[in-house]
Amino acid sequence: MNDYQELWAEIPGYANYEASTWGQVRRKGAENPLKPHLEKNGYLRMRLGRNSPSLRVHRLVSLTFLPNPDDLPEVDHKNGVRTNNRLSNLKWASRSDNMRNTGRKNNNQSGYKHISSVALNQGKNHYWTIRITTHDIQHKFNKEAWSLQQVYDIRNNLYEEYDIKRFD
């Protein structure tokens, strides 16, 4: 399906409303789309009628157009932009897959996930530290369990590989 032509279809469970492949929602027969409101966390949300719960637009578009044969519980924005609800930007995902696509945090100074700056001497000197959990290591190396010594050794190997100064 291309992004050039906007297609509308009835939203399952909401017979009076339609969603579009461009990420919009409208009442059936109306020309103009409804205006969603922006949540603090960046998602667009709206109500489909007075007694309706508030619903996220990306879920409405996905329910309308995307098959979900594996019954995955979440919808992922492929490009990470939560206001881009175009069909071409959405896919069904597991919780862990969706979380992997979160990108780096706004306050991340290094530009990389799990690497942060720590201030020393009232902020005059900084060093970089790797924040990696046992779960992350288990997932990456596909191991069931790791001892503290094994995690410590892996972390030290990462420090050496990337020539990062150690403070411990």
N, C-alpha and C. Protein backbone atom coordinates (compact mmCIF):
# COMPACT_ATOMS: atom_id res chain seq x y z
N MET A 1 0.85 -1.18 0.00
CA MET A 1 0.00 0.00 0.00
C MET A 1 0.90 1.23 0.00
N ASN A 2 0.63 2.18 -0.91
CA ASN A 2 1.49 3.36 -0.98
C ASN A 2 0.99 4.48 -0.07
N ASP A 3 1.84 5.44 0.13
CA ASP A 3 1.55 6.56 1.01
C ASP A 3 0.95 7.74 0.25
N TYR A 4 0.79 7.61 -1.06
CA TYR A 4 0.36 8.74 -1.87
C TYR A 4 -1.14 8.97 -1.83
N GLN A 5 -1.90 7.92 -1.73
CA GLN A 5 -3.35 8.04 -1.75
C GLN A 5 -3.91 7.70 -0.37
N GLU A 6 -4.71 8.60 0.18
CA GLU A 6 -5.31 8.36 1.48
C GLU A 6 -6.56 7.48 1.31
N LEU A 7 -6.58 6.36 2.02
CA LEU A 7 -7.72 5.45 1.99
C LEU A 7 -8.39 5.46 3.35
N TRP A 8 -9.72 5.36 3.35
CA TRP A 8 -10.50 5.37 4.59
C TRP A 8 -11.22 4.03 4.73
N ALA A 9 -11.33 3.55 5.97
CA ALA A 9 -12.07 2.31 6.24
C ALA A 9 -12.68 2.39 7.63
N GLU A 10 -13.78 1.65 7.82
CA GLU A 10 -14.47 1.62 9.12
C GLU A 10 -13.57 1.02 10.19
N ILE A 11 -13.57 1.63 11.36
CA ILE A 11 -12.79 1.14 12.50
C ILE A 11 -13.56 -0.01 13.14
N PRO A 12 -12.97 -1.19 13.26
CA PRO A 12 -13.66 -2.32 13.88
C PRO A 12 -14.13 -1.98 15.30
N GLY A 13 -15.41 -2.22 15.55
CA GLY A 13 -15.98 -1.93 16.87
C GLY A 13 -16.52 -0.52 17.00
N TYR A 14 -16.31 0.32 15.99
CA TYR A 14 -16.79 1.71 16.01
C TYR A 14 -17.41 2.01 14.64
N ALA A 15 -18.63 1.53 14.45
CA ALA A 15 -19.29 1.57 13.15
C ALA A 15 -19.50 2.98 12.60
N ASN A 16 -19.51 4.00 13.45
CA ASN A 16 -19.75 5.37 12.99
C ASN A 16 -18.47 6.13 12.67
N TYR A 17 -17.32 5.44 12.73
CA TYR A 17 -16.05 6.14 12.55
C TYR A 17 -15.15 5.41 11.56
N GLU A 18 -14.30 6.20 10.90
CA GLU A 18 -13.35 5.66 9.93
C GLU A 18 -11.93 6.14 10.28
N ALA A 19 -10.96 5.31 9.95
CA ALA A 19 -9.55 5.69 10.07
C ALA A 19 -8.96 5.73 8.67
N SER A 20 -7.90 6.50 8.52
CA SER A 20 -7.26 6.60 7.20
C SER A 20 -5.84 6.06 7.25
N THR A 21 -5.32 5.73 6.08
CA THR A 21 -3.94 5.26 5.97
C THR A 21 -2.95 6.38 6.26
N TRP A 22 -3.41 7.61 6.33
CA TRP A 22 -2.55 8.74 6.68
C TRP A 22 -2.60 9.06 8.17
N GLY A 23 -3.26 8.19 8.95
CA GLY A 23 -3.25 8.35 10.40
C GLY A 23 -4.28 9.31 10.93
N GLN A 24 -5.40 9.42 10.26
CA GLN A 24 -6.46 10.33 10.71
C GLN A 24 -7.73 9.54 11.02
N VAL A 25 -8.63 10.16 11.77
CA VAL A 25 -9.91 9.55 12.13
C VAL A 25 -11.01 10.57 11.89
N ARG A 26 -12.16 10.09 11.41
CA ARG A 26 -13.31 10.98 11.19
C ARG A 26 -14.60 10.22 11.42
N ARG A 27 -15.69 10.98 11.61
CA ARG A 27 -17.02 10.38 11.64
C ARG A 27 -17.36 9.94 10.23
N LYS A 28 -18.08 8.84 10.10
CA LYS A 28 -18.49 8.37 8.77
C LYS A 28 -19.31 9.44 8.08
N GLY A 29 -18.99 9.69 6.83
CA GLY A 29 -19.72 10.68 6.04
C GLY A 29 -19.19 12.09 6.19
N ALA A 30 -18.36 12.35 7.18
CA ALA A 30 -17.78 13.68 7.37
C ALA A 30 -16.60 13.86 6.42
N GLU A 31 -16.36 15.10 6.05
CA GLU A 31 -15.25 15.39 5.16
C GLU A 31 -13.96 15.62 5.94
N ASN A 32 -14.06 16.31 7.06
CA ASN A 32 -12.87 16.67 7.83
C ASN A 32 -12.59 15.66 8.95
N PRO A 33 -11.31 15.40 9.19
CA PRO A 33 -10.96 14.49 10.28
C PRO A 33 -11.17 15.15 11.65
N LEU A 34 -11.32 14.31 12.66
CA LEU A 34 -11.42 14.79 14.04
C LEU A 34 -10.05 15.26 14.50
N LYS A 35 -10.05 16.18 15.46
CA LYS A 35 -8.78 16.70 15.98
C LYS A 35 -8.40 15.96 17.25
N PRO A 36 -7.27 15.23 17.23
CA PRO A 36 -6.83 14.53 18.43
C PRO A 36 -6.14 15.50 19.39
N HIS A 37 -5.98 15.09 20.63
CA HIS A 37 -5.18 15.91 21.54
C HIS A 37 -3.86 15.17 21.84
N LEU A 38 -2.85 15.95 22.13
CA LEU A 38 -1.51 15.42 22.35
C LEU A 38 -1.31 15.12 23.83
N GLU A 39 -0.96 13.87 24.13
CA GLU A 39 -0.65 13.48 25.51
C GLU A 39 0.74 13.99 25.88
N LYS A 40 1.01 14.04 27.17
CA LYS A 40 2.33 14.48 27.65
C LYS A 40 3.45 13.57 27.12
N ASN A 41 3.14 12.30 26.91
CA ASN A 41 4.17 11.36 26.45
C ASN A 41 4.31 11.34 24.92
N GLY A 42 3.61 12.21 24.22
CA GLY A 42 3.81 12.36 22.78
C GLY A 42 2.84 11.63 21.87
N TYR A 43 1.92 10.83 22.43
CA TYR A 43 0.95 10.12 21.61
C TYR A 43 -0.28 10.99 21.35
N LEU A 44 -0.93 10.76 20.20
CA LEU A 44 -2.19 11.44 19.89
C LEU A 44 -3.34 10.56 20.33
N ARG A 45 -4.34 11.18 20.95
CA ARG A 45 -5.45 10.45 21.55
C ARG A 45 -6.75 11.17 21.23
N MET A 46 -7.87 10.42 21.19
CA MET A 46 -9.19 11.03 20.95
C MET A 46 -10.31 10.14 21.47
N ARG A 47 -11.47 10.74 21.60
CA ARG A 47 -12.68 10.01 22.00
C ARG A 47 -13.57 9.85 20.77
N LEU A 48 -14.15 8.67 20.65
CA LEU A 48 -15.08 8.41 19.55
C LEU A 48 -16.49 8.39 20.14
N GLY A 49 -17.00 9.54 20.46
CA GLY A 49 -18.32 9.66 21.08
C GLY A 49 -18.19 10.08 22.54
N ARG A 50 -19.28 10.56 23.09
CA ARG A 50 -19.27 11.10 24.46
C ARG A 50 -18.91 10.08 25.52
N ASN A 51 -19.41 8.88 25.41
CA ASN A 51 -19.19 7.86 26.43
C ASN A 51 -18.04 6.92 26.12
N SER A 52 -17.30 7.22 25.07
CA SER A 52 -16.19 6.37 24.66
C SER A 52 -14.96 6.66 25.51
N PRO A 53 -14.17 5.63 25.78
CA PRO A 53 -12.88 5.92 26.43
C PRO A 53 -11.96 6.64 25.45
N SER A 54 -10.97 7.31 25.97
CA SER A 54 -9.98 7.98 25.13
C SER A 54 -9.09 6.91 24.50
N LEU A 55 -8.89 7.00 23.20
CA LEU A 55 -8.15 5.98 22.45
C LEU A 55 -6.98 6.61 21.71
N ARG A 56 -5.91 5.86 21.60
CA ARG A 56 -4.74 6.34 20.85
C ARG A 56 -4.96 6.12 19.35
N VAL A 57 -4.61 7.13 18.59
CA VAL A 57 -4.85 7.12 17.15
C VAL A 57 -4.08 5.99 16.46
N HIS A 58 -2.85 5.74 16.86
CA HIS A 58 -2.06 4.71 16.18
C HIS A 58 -2.69 3.32 16.35
N ARG A 59 -3.35 3.08 17.48
CA ARG A 59 -4.04 1.79 17.67
C ARG A 59 -5.26 1.70 16.76
N LEU A 60 -6.00 2.79 16.63
CA LEU A 60 -7.19 2.79 15.77
C LEU A 60 -6.80 2.52 14.31
N VAL A 61 -5.73 3.16 13.85
CA VAL A 61 -5.26 2.95 12.47
C VAL A 61 -4.81 1.51 12.30
N SER A 62 -4.06 0.98 13.27
CA SER A 62 -3.57 -0.39 13.17
C SER A 62 -4.69 -1.41 13.20
N LEU A 63 -5.65 -1.22 14.10
CA LEU A 63 -6.80 -2.13 14.17
C LEU A 63 -7.57 -2.15 12.85
N THR A 64 -7.61 -1.01 12.19
CA THR A 64 -8.37 -0.88 10.94
C THR A 64 -7.66 -1.52 9.75
N PHE A 65 -6.34 -1.36 9.66
CA PHE A 65 -5.65 -1.75 8.44
C PHE A 65 -4.62 -2.88 8.57
N LEU A 66 -4.04 -3.07 9.75
CA LEU A 66 -2.94 -4.03 9.87
C LEU A 66 -3.41 -5.38 10.40
N PRO A 67 -3.20 -6.44 9.65
CA PRO A 67 -3.48 -7.77 10.19
C PRO A 67 -2.54 -8.05 11.37
N ASN A 68 -3.01 -8.80 12.34
CA ASN A 68 -2.21 -9.14 13.52
C ASN A 68 -2.32 -10.64 13.79
N PRO A 69 -1.81 -11.48 12.88
CA PRO A 69 -2.00 -12.93 13.02
C PRO A 69 -1.34 -13.52 14.26
N ASP A 70 -0.27 -12.87 14.75
CA ASP A 70 0.42 -13.37 15.94
C ASP A 70 -0.16 -12.81 17.24
N ASP A 71 -1.22 -12.01 17.11
CA ASP A 71 -1.89 -11.42 18.28
C ASP A 71 -0.90 -10.65 19.16
N LEU A 72 -0.07 -9.83 18.53
CA LEU A 72 0.89 -9.01 19.26
C LEU A 72 0.16 -7.87 19.97
N PRO A 73 0.59 -7.50 21.18
CA PRO A 73 -0.20 -6.59 22.00
C PRO A 73 0.02 -5.10 21.75
N GLU A 74 1.12 -4.70 21.12
CA GLU A 74 1.44 -3.28 21.01
C GLU A 74 1.66 -2.87 19.57
N VAL A 75 1.57 -1.56 19.34
CA VAL A 75 1.84 -0.99 18.03
C VAL A 75 3.10 -0.16 18.13
N ASP A 76 4.04 -0.43 17.23
CA ASP A 76 5.32 0.27 17.23
C ASP A 76 5.34 1.31 16.12
N HIS A 77 5.85 2.50 16.43
CA HIS A 77 6.11 3.51 15.41
C HIS A 77 7.51 3.24 14.87
N LYS A 78 7.62 2.80 13.64
CA LYS A 78 8.90 2.38 13.07
C LYS A 78 9.98 3.45 13.17
N ASN A 79 9.60 4.71 12.93
CA ASN A 79 10.61 5.77 12.96
C ASN A 79 10.73 6.42 14.34
N GLY A 80 9.98 5.93 15.32
CA GLY A 80 10.06 6.44 16.68
C GLY A 80 9.31 7.73 16.93
N VAL A 81 8.66 8.30 15.91
CA VAL A 81 7.92 9.54 16.06
C VAL A 81 6.47 9.21 16.41
N ARG A 82 6.08 9.49 17.65
CA ARG A 82 4.78 9.07 18.15
C ARG A 82 3.60 9.81 17.53
N THR A 83 3.83 10.92 16.90
CA THR A 83 2.74 11.65 16.24
C THR A 83 2.58 11.25 14.78
N ASN A 84 3.49 10.44 14.25
CA ASN A 84 3.40 9.97 12.87
C ASN A 84 2.60 8.66 12.87
N ASN A 85 1.30 8.78 12.65
CA ASN A 85 0.41 7.62 12.70
C ASN A 85 0.03 7.11 11.32
N ARG A 86 0.83 7.41 10.32
CA ARG A 86 0.59 6.86 8.98
C ARG A 86 0.75 5.35 9.02
N LEU A 87 -0.06 4.66 8.26
CA LEU A 87 -0.03 3.21 8.22
C LEU A 87 1.37 2.68 7.90
N SER A 88 2.08 3.35 6.99
CA SER A 88 3.42 2.91 6.59
C SER A 88 4.43 2.99 7.74
N ASN A 89 4.10 3.71 8.82
CA ASN A 89 5.01 3.87 9.96
C ASN A 89 4.65 2.96 11.13
N LEU A 90 3.61 2.17 11.01
CA LEU A 90 3.13 1.35 12.12
C LEU A 90 3.32 -0.14 11.87
N LYS A 91 3.57 -0.87 12.96
CA LYS A 91 3.63 -2.33 12.88
C LYS A 91 3.26 -2.90 14.24
N TRP A 92 2.68 -4.08 14.26
CA TRP A 92 2.38 -4.77 15.52
C TRP A 92 3.69 -5.28 16.09
N ALA A 93 3.80 -5.23 17.42
CA ALA A 93 5.06 -5.63 18.06
C ALA A 93 4.80 -6.20 19.45
N SER A 94 5.75 -6.99 19.91
CA SER A 94 5.74 -7.44 21.30
C SER A 94 6.20 -6.28 22.17
N ARG A 95 6.03 -6.38 23.46
CA ARG A 95 6.49 -5.33 24.38
C ARG A 95 8.00 -5.12 24.27
N SER A 96 8.76 -6.21 24.23
CA SER A 96 10.21 -6.08 24.18
C SER A 96 10.67 -5.48 22.85
N ASP A 97 10.05 -5.86 21.73
CA ASP A 97 10.41 -5.27 20.44
C ASP A 97 10.09 -3.78 20.42
N ASN A 98 8.96 -3.41 20.98
CA ASN A 98 8.56 -2.01 21.01
C ASN A 98 9.54 -1.20 21.87
N MET A 99 9.96 -1.75 22.98
CA MET A 99 10.90 -1.04 23.86
C MET A 99 12.28 -0.90 23.22
N ARG A 100 12.67 -1.86 22.40
CA ARG A 100 13.97 -1.77 21.72
C ARG A 100 14.02 -0.62 20.74
N ASN A 101 12.86 -0.19 20.28
CA ASN A 101 12.78 0.88 19.28
C ASN A 101 12.58 2.25 19.92
N THR A 102 12.82 2.38 21.22
CA THR A 102 12.59 3.67 21.87
C THR A 102 13.65 4.70 21.57
N GLY A 103 14.84 4.25 21.18
CA GLY A 103 15.90 5.21 20.90
C GLY A 103 16.51 5.73 22.19
N ARG A 104 17.34 6.73 22.06
CA ARG A 104 18.00 7.26 23.25
C ARG A 104 17.11 8.29 23.93
N LYS A 105 17.32 8.48 25.21
CA LYS A 105 16.54 9.42 26.01
C LYS A 105 16.93 10.85 25.67
N ASN A 106 16.00 11.78 25.92
CA ASN A 106 16.25 13.20 25.62
C ASN A 106 17.44 13.77 26.39
N ASN A 107 17.68 13.27 27.59
CA ASN A 107 18.77 13.82 28.40
C ASN A 107 20.08 13.07 28.22
N ASN A 108 20.17 12.22 27.22
CA ASN A 108 21.37 11.43 26.97
C ASN A 108 22.43 12.33 26.33
N GLN A 109 23.57 12.47 27.01
CA GLN A 109 24.64 13.33 26.51
C GLN A 109 25.62 12.60 25.59
N SER A 110 25.69 11.29 25.69
CA SER A 110 26.67 10.54 24.90
C SER A 110 26.20 10.29 23.48
N GLY A 111 24.88 10.19 23.29
CA GLY A 111 24.35 9.83 21.98
C GLY A 111 24.18 8.34 21.80
N TYR A 112 24.53 7.55 22.83
CA TYR A 112 24.41 6.10 22.76
C TYR A 112 23.58 5.59 23.92
N LYS A 113 22.82 4.54 23.68
CA LYS A 113 22.06 3.91 24.75
C LYS A 113 23.01 3.28 25.77
N HIS A 114 22.65 3.38 27.04
CA HIS A 114 23.37 2.74 28.16
C HIS A 114 24.74 3.33 28.45
N ILE A 115 25.11 4.45 27.83
CA ILE A 115 26.37 5.11 28.16
C ILE A 115 26.04 6.50 28.66
N SER A 116 26.52 6.80 29.87
CA SER A 116 26.20 8.10 30.45
C SER A 116 27.44 8.74 31.04
N SER A 117 27.33 10.04 31.27
CA SER A 117 28.41 10.83 31.82
C SER A 117 28.18 10.99 33.32
N VAL A 118 29.25 10.86 34.08
CA VAL A 118 29.18 11.04 35.53
C VAL A 118 30.13 12.16 35.90
N ALA A 119 29.64 13.14 36.68
CA ALA A 119 30.46 14.30 37.06
C ALA A 119 31.28 14.00 38.30
N LEU A 120 32.51 14.48 38.30
CA LEU A 120 33.39 14.41 39.46
C LEU A 120 33.79 15.83 39.85
N ASN A 121 34.23 16.04 41.07
CA ASN A 121 34.76 17.34 41.51
C ASN A 121 33.82 18.50 41.18
N GLN A 122 32.62 18.46 41.66
CA GLN A 122 31.62 19.52 41.44
C GLN A 122 31.42 19.82 39.95
N GLY A 123 31.47 18.79 39.13
CA GLY A 123 31.16 18.95 37.70
C GLY A 123 32.32 19.39 36.83
N LYS A 124 33.54 19.52 37.39
CA LYS A 124 34.68 19.98 36.58
C LYS A 124 35.20 18.88 35.67
N ASN A 125 35.18 17.65 36.15
CA ASN A 125 35.66 16.52 35.36
C ASN A 125 34.52 15.52 35.16
N HIS A 126 34.50 14.87 34.03
CA HIS A 126 33.49 13.87 33.72
C HIS A 126 34.17 12.59 33.28
N TYR A 127 33.52 11.49 33.51
CA TYR A 127 33.94 10.24 32.90
C TYR A 127 32.70 9.52 32.39
N TRP A 128 32.87 8.62 31.45
CA TRP A 128 31.76 7.88 30.86
C TRP A 128 31.62 6.55 31.55
N THR A 129 30.40 6.13 31.75
CA THR A 129 30.14 4.83 32.36
C THR A 129 29.15 4.06 31.51
N ILE A 130 29.29 2.76 31.49
CA ILE A 130 28.37 1.89 30.77
C ILE A 130 27.35 1.36 31.77
N ARG A 131 26.08 1.57 31.49
CA ARG A 131 25.01 1.03 32.33
C ARG A 131 24.39 -0.13 31.57
N ILE A 132 24.76 -1.32 31.98
CA ILE A 132 24.22 -2.50 31.31
C ILE A 132 23.82 -3.49 32.39
N THR A 133 22.68 -4.08 32.24
CA THR A 133 22.16 -4.98 33.25
C THR A 133 22.47 -6.43 32.89
N THR A 134 22.35 -7.28 33.89
CA THR A 134 22.52 -8.71 33.65
C THR A 134 21.54 -9.19 32.59
N HIS A 135 20.31 -8.67 32.64
CA HIS A 135 19.30 -9.06 31.65
C HIS A 135 19.75 -8.68 30.24
N ASP A 136 20.31 -7.46 30.08
CA ASP A 136 20.80 -7.05 28.77
C ASP A 136 21.88 -7.99 28.26
N ILE A 137 22.80 -8.37 29.15
CA ILE A 137 23.89 -9.26 28.77
C ILE A 137 23.34 -10.65 28.43
N GLN A 138 22.40 -11.14 29.23
CA GLN A 138 21.80 -12.44 28.95
C GLN A 138 21.15 -12.43 27.58
N HIS A 139 20.41 -11.35 27.29
CA HIS A 139 19.71 -11.26 26.01
C HIS A 139 20.72 -11.19 24.86
N LYS A 140 21.74 -10.36 25.01
CA LYS A 140 22.72 -10.19 23.94
C LYS A 140 23.51 -11.45 23.67
N PHE A 141 23.94 -12.14 24.73
CA PHE A 141 24.77 -13.31 24.56
C PHE A 141 24.00 -14.63 24.68
N ASN A 142 22.68 -14.52 24.84
CA ASN A 142 21.79 -15.68 24.86
C ASN A 142 22.21 -16.70 25.93
N LYS A 143 22.45 -16.23 27.13
CA LYS A 143 22.79 -17.09 28.25
C LYS A 143 21.65 -17.06 29.25
N GLU A 144 21.51 -18.11 30.02
CA GLU A 144 20.45 -18.19 31.01
C GLU A 144 20.77 -17.41 32.27
N ALA A 145 21.99 -17.55 32.78
CA ALA A 145 22.35 -16.87 34.02
C ALA A 145 23.83 -16.53 34.02
N TRP A 146 24.17 -15.45 34.70
CA TRP A 146 25.55 -14.99 34.77
C TRP A 146 25.90 -14.73 36.23
N SER A 147 27.12 -15.08 36.58
CA SER A 147 27.60 -14.75 37.92
C SER A 147 28.04 -13.29 37.92
N LEU A 148 28.16 -12.72 39.10
CA LEU A 148 28.64 -11.35 39.22
C LEU A 148 30.02 -11.22 38.59
N GLN A 149 30.87 -12.19 38.78
CA GLN A 149 32.22 -12.14 38.20
C GLN A 149 32.17 -12.12 36.68
N GLN A 150 31.28 -12.91 36.09
CA GLN A 150 31.17 -12.93 34.63
C GLN A 150 30.70 -11.57 34.10
N VAL A 151 29.71 -10.97 34.76
CA VAL A 151 29.21 -9.66 34.35
C VAL A 151 30.33 -8.63 34.48
N TYR A 152 31.07 -8.69 35.59
CA TYR A 152 32.18 -7.77 35.84
C TYR A 152 33.24 -7.91 34.73
N ASP A 153 33.57 -9.14 34.36
CA ASP A 153 34.57 -9.38 33.31
C ASP A 153 34.09 -8.86 31.95
N ILE A 154 32.83 -9.08 31.63
CA ILE A 154 32.29 -8.59 30.35
C ILE A 154 32.34 -7.07 30.32
N ARG A 155 31.94 -6.45 31.43
CA ARG A 155 31.97 -4.99 31.48
C ARG A 155 33.40 -4.48 31.30
N ASN A 156 34.36 -5.11 31.97
CA ASN A 156 35.75 -4.69 31.84
C ASN A 156 36.26 -4.88 30.42
N ASN A 157 35.86 -5.94 29.77
CA ASN A 157 36.25 -6.15 28.37
C ASN A 157 35.69 -5.05 27.48
N LEU A 158 34.44 -4.62 27.76
CA LEU A 158 33.85 -3.51 27.00
C LEU A 158 34.65 -2.23 27.24
N TYR A 159 35.03 -1.98 28.50
CA TYR A 159 35.84 -0.80 28.81
C TYR A 159 37.15 -0.83 28.01
N GLU A 160 37.80 -1.97 27.99
CA GLU A 160 39.08 -2.08 27.27
C GLU A 160 38.88 -1.93 25.77
N GLU A 161 37.84 -2.57 25.24
CA GLU A 161 37.59 -2.51 23.80
C GLU A 161 37.37 -1.08 23.33
N TYR A 162 36.66 -0.27 24.13
CA TYR A 162 36.35 1.10 23.73
C TYR A 162 37.26 2.13 24.41
N ASP A 163 38.33 1.66 25.05
CA ASP A 163 39.32 2.53 25.70
C ASP A 163 38.64 3.54 26.64
N ILE A 164 37.82 3.00 27.53
CA ILE A 164 37.09 3.82 28.51
C ILE A 164 37.80 3.71 29.84
N LYS A 165 38.05 4.85 30.49
CA LYS A 165 38.72 4.88 31.78
C LYS A 165 37.82 4.28 32.86
N ARG A 166 38.41 3.41 33.72
CA ARG A 166 37.64 2.75 34.77
C ARG A 166 37.84 3.43 36.11
N PHE A 167 36.76 3.53 36.90
CA PHE A 167 36.82 4.10 38.23
C PHE A 167 36.17 3.14 39.21
N ASP A 168 36.84 2.06 39.56
CA ASP A 168 36.27 1.16 40.58
C ASP A 168 37.34 0.37 41.30
